[in-house]
Amino acid sequence: MKRIIFFIIIIAVVLSLASCSKSKEAEESFMKGEAAYDSMKYDEAIAAYDKAVALDTAYAKAYNSRGVAYFTKKDMAKAIADYTRATKLDSNYAWPYSNRASAYMEKMEFSKAAADIEKAIKLDPAIPEPYLNRGNLKYMDQDYKASIADFNKAIELKTSFNEALYGRARCHVKLKEFDKAIADLTQIAAVEPDNFGVVYERALAYYEKEDFENAAADFTKAIGINKEVSTAYSNRARAYYNLKKFKESAEDFNEFLRLSGNKFGNADQVRKFIKEMGYKPLY
């Protein structure tokens, strides 16, 4: 009888050691995946996470991280599947709810995103991304003040959160708080000087507050980043017109026509406007 008990104990110890070994190997694979992801080697990261979950099928963090890698590769279906698996393994783990909300936002499944946002905030109110996503949802609902409150919270939790700064700036524009919008966009431009959208939005804010010199300067910067956006030329043309730089205005309106053709319904009106300034439409 003692011999049987001895063998049972030995088997239990061996199984325990094997389990610990697999768990350690799964952790090592997970860490390799994290390092690969941080190095922007997303396929390599996914392969490492694959190994981690094969070794430990209850590894919620590995499923969540693999979901993030799939999200980065724009494979929303696989990302959502992994986030969902992580939530089933650990229903109190906030990050997969937050991340799944971002994936649903990408898929424009806003009601699902909203539910996950609230769940993530309830589980861990210190994660900034759910506030960003909720702010974007409120922006779409034209609830700009509530949207700003969420962007403020996101920025409070994550310093220099440029996506939240950008969202808040757009709200300030809608509320005609142009100086506040310009301040947020300028903060982003300091670290992302080649971000076309930021420079372009700031140019529009300057234009709306009738600061045509700075508007023209920012439209020029935007065009330097991307020369193929026709509305940058038409908006700079409007700024030049208000500055009484009619030659430059006509040139920009012509460039707008060259790039856009008759895609916009105002093409004939633009041609007429060029003539009224004393210049010839070229397109």
Protein backbone atom coordinates (compact mmCIF):
# COMPACT_ATOMS: atom_id res chain seq x y z
CA MET A 1 0.00 0.00 0.00
CA LYS A 2 2.86 2.37 0.88
CA ARG A 3 4.48 1.62 -2.49
CA ILE A 4 1.25 2.60 -4.35
CA ILE A 5 0.99 5.86 -2.40
CA PHE A 6 4.67 6.56 -3.14
CA PHE A 7 4.12 6.08 -6.89
CA ILE A 8 1.01 8.31 -6.82
CA ILE A 9 3.04 11.04 -5.13
CA ILE A 10 5.85 10.67 -7.70
CA ILE A 11 3.38 10.92 -10.60
CA ALA A 12 1.77 14.02 -9.04
CA VAL A 13 5.18 15.66 -8.63
CA VAL A 14 6.16 14.83 -12.23
CA LEU A 15 2.87 16.21 -13.56
CA SER A 16 3.27 19.34 -11.44
CA LEU A 17 6.81 19.89 -12.72
CA ALA A 18 5.66 19.35 -16.30
CA SER A 19 2.85 21.87 -15.80
CA CYS A 20 5.28 24.42 -14.35
CA SER A 21 7.64 23.85 -17.25
CA LYS A 22 4.85 24.43 -19.80
CA SER A 23 3.70 27.52 -17.92
CA LYS A 24 7.23 28.93 -17.92
CA GLU A 25 7.64 28.17 -21.62
CA ALA A 26 4.31 29.86 -22.35
CA GLU A 27 5.45 32.95 -20.42
CA GLU A 28 8.72 33.02 -22.36
CA SER A 29 6.84 32.81 -25.66
CA PHE A 30 4.51 35.59 -24.52
CA MET A 31 7.45 37.85 -23.68
CA LYS A 32 9.01 37.13 -27.07
CA GLY A 33 5.72 38.15 -28.64
CA GLU A 34 5.68 41.41 -26.66
CA ALA A 35 9.25 42.22 -27.74
CA ALA A 36 8.47 41.43 -31.38
CA TYR A 37 5.35 43.60 -31.28
CA ASP A 38 7.28 46.50 -29.78
CA SER A 39 9.76 46.12 -32.67
CA MET A 40 6.81 46.26 -35.12
CA LYS A 41 7.43 42.64 -36.19
CA TYR A 42 3.75 41.77 -36.04
CA ASP A 43 3.80 38.39 -37.79
CA GLU A 44 6.65 37.29 -35.55
CA ALA A 45 4.68 38.49 -32.54
CA ILE A 46 1.60 36.53 -33.60
CA ALA A 47 3.69 33.37 -34.03
CA ALA A 48 5.04 33.77 -30.50
CA TYR A 49 1.55 34.36 -29.07
CA ASP A 50 0.35 31.29 -31.00
CA LYS A 51 2.94 29.23 -29.18
CA ALA A 52 2.01 30.76 -25.83
CA VAL A 53 -1.69 29.90 -26.13
CA ALA A 54 -0.88 26.44 -27.49
CA LEU A 55 1.12 25.79 -24.32
CA ASP A 56 -1.44 27.44 -22.05
CA THR A 57 -4.95 27.56 -23.49
CA ALA A 58 -6.16 29.68 -20.53
CA TYR A 59 -3.59 32.44 -21.09
CA ALA A 60 -5.93 35.46 -21.34
CA LYS A 61 -3.13 38.03 -21.68
CA ALA A 62 -1.67 36.19 -24.66
CA TYR A 63 -5.03 36.14 -26.44
CA ASN A 64 -5.45 39.85 -25.74
CA SER A 65 -1.97 40.68 -27.03
CA ARG A 66 -2.47 38.54 -30.13
CA GLY A 67 -5.69 40.46 -30.68
CA VAL A 68 -3.75 43.73 -30.51
CA ALA A 69 -1.33 42.43 -33.14
CA TYR A 70 -4.21 41.42 -35.43
CA PHE A 71 -5.81 44.84 -34.82
CA THR A 72 -2.58 46.54 -35.88
CA LYS A 73 -2.62 44.43 -39.05
CA LYS A 74 -6.23 45.59 -39.65
CA ASP A 75 -7.63 42.06 -39.25
CA MET A 76 -10.59 43.04 -37.10
CA ALA A 77 -12.33 39.67 -37.24
CA LYS A 78 -9.36 37.83 -35.73
CA ALA A 79 -8.72 40.66 -33.26
CA ILE A 80 -12.31 40.53 -31.99
CA ALA A 81 -12.18 36.73 -31.75
CA ASP A 82 -9.06 36.91 -29.58
CA TYR A 83 -10.41 39.71 -27.38
CA THR A 84 -13.62 37.73 -26.90
CA ARG A 85 -11.63 34.61 -25.94
CA ALA A 86 -9.71 36.69 -23.39
CA THR A 87 -12.93 38.02 -21.83
CA LYS A 88 -14.33 34.50 -21.53
CA LEU A 89 -11.16 33.32 -19.79
CA ASP A 90 -11.09 36.28 -17.41
CA SER A 91 -14.28 38.34 -17.23
CA ASN A 92 -12.62 40.84 -14.86
CA TYR A 93 -9.76 41.62 -17.26
CA ALA A 94 -10.50 45.15 -18.52
CA TRP A 95 -8.06 45.46 -21.42
CA PRO A 96 -9.74 43.06 -23.87
CA TYR A 97 -13.04 44.91 -23.41
CA SER A 98 -11.27 48.20 -24.09
CA ASN A 99 -9.46 46.77 -27.10
CA ARG A 100 -12.55 45.07 -28.49
CA ALA A 101 -14.36 48.41 -28.28
CA SER A 102 -11.65 49.91 -30.52
CA ALA A 103 -12.10 47.09 -33.01
CA TYR A 104 -15.87 47.59 -33.03
CA MET A 105 -15.29 51.32 -33.60
CA GLU A 106 -13.20 50.43 -36.67
CA LYS A 107 -16.04 48.23 -37.92
CA MET A 108 -18.56 51.02 -37.18
CA GLU A 109 -20.46 48.71 -34.84
CA PHE A 110 -21.01 51.52 -32.39
CA SER A 111 -23.59 49.95 -30.06
CA LYS A 112 -21.24 47.01 -29.41
CA ALA A 113 -18.36 49.42 -28.89
CA ALA A 114 -20.40 51.44 -26.39
CA ALA A 115 -21.20 48.35 -24.32
CA ASP A 116 -17.54 47.32 -24.17
CA ILE A 117 -16.44 50.86 -23.31
CA GLU A 118 -18.72 50.95 -20.26
CA LYS A 119 -17.59 47.49 -19.17
CA ALA A 120 -13.91 48.46 -19.45
CA ILE A 121 -14.41 51.68 -17.48
CA LYS A 122 -16.31 49.82 -14.75
CA LEU A 123 -13.55 47.21 -14.43
CA ASP A 124 -10.62 49.64 -14.59
CA PRO A 125 -11.36 53.38 -14.71
CA ALA A 126 -7.62 54.12 -15.07
CA ILE A 127 -7.39 52.92 -18.70
CA PRO A 128 -7.44 55.99 -20.99
CA GLU A 129 -8.57 54.40 -24.27
CA PRO A 130 -12.23 53.80 -23.34
CA TYR A 131 -12.63 57.52 -22.62
CA LEU A 132 -11.13 58.30 -26.03
CA ASN A 133 -13.59 55.98 -27.74
CA ARG A 134 -16.54 57.25 -25.72
CA GLY A 135 -15.49 60.80 -26.56
CA ASN A 136 -15.52 59.92 -30.25
CA LEU A 137 -19.00 58.39 -29.91
CA LYS A 138 -20.28 61.54 -28.21
CA TYR A 139 -18.68 63.65 -30.94
CA MET A 140 -20.66 61.68 -33.51
CA ASP A 141 -23.78 62.37 -31.44
CA GLN A 142 -22.87 66.10 -31.57
CA ASP A 143 -22.64 66.19 -27.78
CA TYR A 144 -19.43 68.21 -27.89
CA LYS A 145 -19.21 69.29 -24.25
CA ALA A 146 -19.65 65.72 -23.00
CA SER A 147 -17.15 64.60 -25.62
CA ILE A 148 -14.61 67.13 -24.31
CA ALA A 149 -15.12 65.81 -20.77
CA ASP A 150 -14.16 62.31 -21.93
CA PHE A 151 -11.18 63.55 -23.91
CA ASN A 152 -10.08 65.52 -20.83
CA LYS A 153 -10.22 62.34 -18.75
CA ALA A 154 -8.22 60.41 -21.36
CA ILE A 155 -5.55 63.15 -21.38
CA GLU A 156 -5.49 63.22 -17.58
CA LEU A 157 -4.74 59.49 -17.56
CA LYS A 158 -2.28 59.52 -20.46
CA THR A 159 -0.08 62.58 -20.90
CA SER A 160 0.43 63.68 -24.51
CA PHE A 161 -2.44 61.48 -25.73
CA ASN A 162 -2.48 62.94 -29.23
CA GLU A 163 -5.61 61.13 -30.40
CA ALA A 164 -7.53 62.63 -27.47
CA LEU A 165 -6.02 66.07 -28.07
CA TYR A 166 -7.10 65.85 -31.72
CA GLY A 167 -10.63 64.80 -30.75
CA ARG A 168 -10.87 67.62 -28.23
CA ALA A 169 -9.63 70.13 -30.83
CA ARG A 170 -12.37 69.06 -33.24
CA CYS A 171 -14.95 69.62 -30.50
CA HIS A 172 -13.54 73.08 -29.78
CA VAL A 173 -13.90 73.94 -33.48
CA LYS A 174 -17.53 72.85 -33.42
CA LEU A 175 -18.09 75.04 -30.36
CA LYS A 176 -16.24 77.92 -32.11
CA GLU A 177 -13.55 77.84 -29.43
CA PHE A 178 -10.86 78.31 -32.03
CA ASP A 179 -7.99 79.37 -29.77
CA LYS A 180 -8.44 76.23 -27.66
CA ALA A 181 -8.53 74.10 -30.82
CA ILE A 182 -5.37 75.74 -32.13
CA ALA A 183 -3.60 75.18 -28.79
CA ASP A 184 -4.41 71.44 -28.85
CA LEU A 185 -3.40 71.06 -32.50
CA THR A 186 -0.18 72.99 -31.93
CA GLN A 187 0.71 70.63 -29.08
CA ILE A 188 0.29 67.66 -31.42
CA ALA A 189 2.18 69.35 -34.27
CA ALA A 190 5.17 69.87 -31.98
CA VAL A 191 5.74 66.10 -31.93
CA GLU A 192 4.04 65.21 -35.25
CA PRO A 193 5.06 68.03 -37.61
CA ASP A 194 4.29 65.93 -40.70
CA ASN A 195 0.77 64.98 -39.64
CA PHE A 196 -1.30 66.36 -42.52
CA GLY A 197 -4.62 66.12 -40.70
CA VAL A 198 -3.38 68.09 -37.70
CA VAL A 199 -1.84 70.90 -39.76
CA TYR A 200 -4.88 71.03 -42.05
CA GLU A 201 -7.34 71.18 -39.12
CA ARG A 202 -5.31 73.97 -37.53
CA ALA A 203 -5.39 75.89 -40.82
CA LEU A 204 -9.18 75.58 -40.87
CA ALA A 205 -9.36 76.81 -37.26
CA TYR A 206 -7.23 79.84 -38.14
CA TYR A 207 -9.45 80.50 -41.15
CA GLU A 208 -12.62 80.30 -39.06
CA LYS A 209 -11.24 82.85 -36.59
CA GLU A 210 -10.37 85.03 -39.62
CA ASP A 211 -6.62 84.83 -39.05
CA PHE A 212 -5.97 84.47 -42.77
CA GLU A 213 -2.19 84.88 -42.61
CA ASN A 214 -1.75 81.89 -40.30
CA ALA A 215 -4.42 79.97 -42.19
CA ALA A 216 -2.54 80.44 -45.48
CA ALA A 217 0.73 79.48 -43.79
CA ASP A 218 -0.74 76.26 -42.39
CA PHE A 219 -2.42 75.34 -45.67
CA THR A 220 1.01 75.80 -47.28
CA LYS A 221 2.53 73.43 -44.69
CA ALA A 222 -0.25 70.92 -45.33
CA ILE A 223 0.35 71.07 -49.07
CA GLY A 224 4.04 70.49 -48.42
CA ILE A 225 3.11 67.26 -46.62
CA ASN A 226 0.58 66.09 -49.24
CA LYS A 227 0.34 67.88 -52.58
CA GLU A 228 -2.61 65.81 -53.81
CA VAL A 229 -5.39 67.08 -51.52
CA SER A 230 -7.37 69.46 -53.72
CA THR A 231 -9.29 71.16 -50.90
CA ALA A 232 -6.03 72.36 -49.35
CA TYR A 233 -5.55 74.49 -52.47
CA SER A 234 -9.12 75.76 -52.56
CA ASN A 235 -9.00 76.69 -48.88
CA ARG A 236 -5.65 78.43 -49.28
CA ALA A 237 -7.15 80.23 -52.26
CA ARG A 238 -9.92 81.52 -50.00
CA ALA A 239 -7.36 82.69 -47.45
CA TYR A 240 -5.35 84.44 -50.17
CA TYR A 241 -8.51 86.08 -51.47
CA ASN A 242 -9.25 87.53 -48.02
CA LEU A 243 -5.65 88.78 -47.93
CA LYS A 244 -6.27 90.40 -51.35
CA LYS A 245 -3.61 88.19 -52.94
CA PHE A 246 -5.73 87.60 -56.01
CA LYS A 247 -3.03 86.18 -58.28
CA GLU A 248 -2.10 83.53 -55.70
CA SER A 249 -5.79 82.88 -55.09
CA ALA A 250 -6.46 82.29 -58.79
CA GLU A 251 -3.44 79.98 -59.07
CA ASP A 252 -4.66 77.88 -56.16
CA PHE A 253 -8.20 77.69 -57.49
CA ASN A 254 -6.78 76.49 -60.82
CA GLU A 255 -4.74 73.85 -59.01
CA PHE A 256 -7.89 72.79 -57.18
CA LEU A 257 -9.64 72.38 -60.56
CA ARG A 258 -6.70 70.42 -61.98
CA LEU A 259 -6.75 67.96 -59.11
CA SER A 260 -10.51 67.60 -58.64
CA GLY A 261 -11.95 68.25 -62.10
CA ASN A 262 -15.72 68.27 -61.78
CA LYS A 263 -15.75 65.95 -58.76
CA PHE A 264 -17.10 68.78 -56.64
CA GLY A 265 -20.33 70.46 -57.66
CA ASN A 266 -18.83 73.94 -57.35
CA ALA A 267 -16.35 73.64 -60.24
CA ASP A 268 -18.24 76.05 -62.50
CA GLN A 269 -18.63 78.50 -59.64
CA VAL A 270 -14.86 78.36 -59.04
CA ARG A 271 -14.19 79.05 -62.73
CA LYS A 272 -16.52 82.04 -62.57
CA PHE A 273 -14.79 83.29 -59.45
CA ILE A 274 -11.37 83.10 -61.13
CA LYS A 275 -12.70 85.20 -64.01
CA GLU A 276 -14.14 87.77 -61.60
CA MET A 277 -10.66 88.20 -60.12
CA GLY A 278 -9.39 88.96 -63.64
CA TYR A 279 -7.66 85.67 -64.34
CA LYS A 280 -8.27 82.74 -66.70
CA PRO A 281 -9.54 79.33 -65.61
CA LEU A 282 -7.05 76.74 -66.89
CA TYR A 283 -9.17 73.63 -66.33
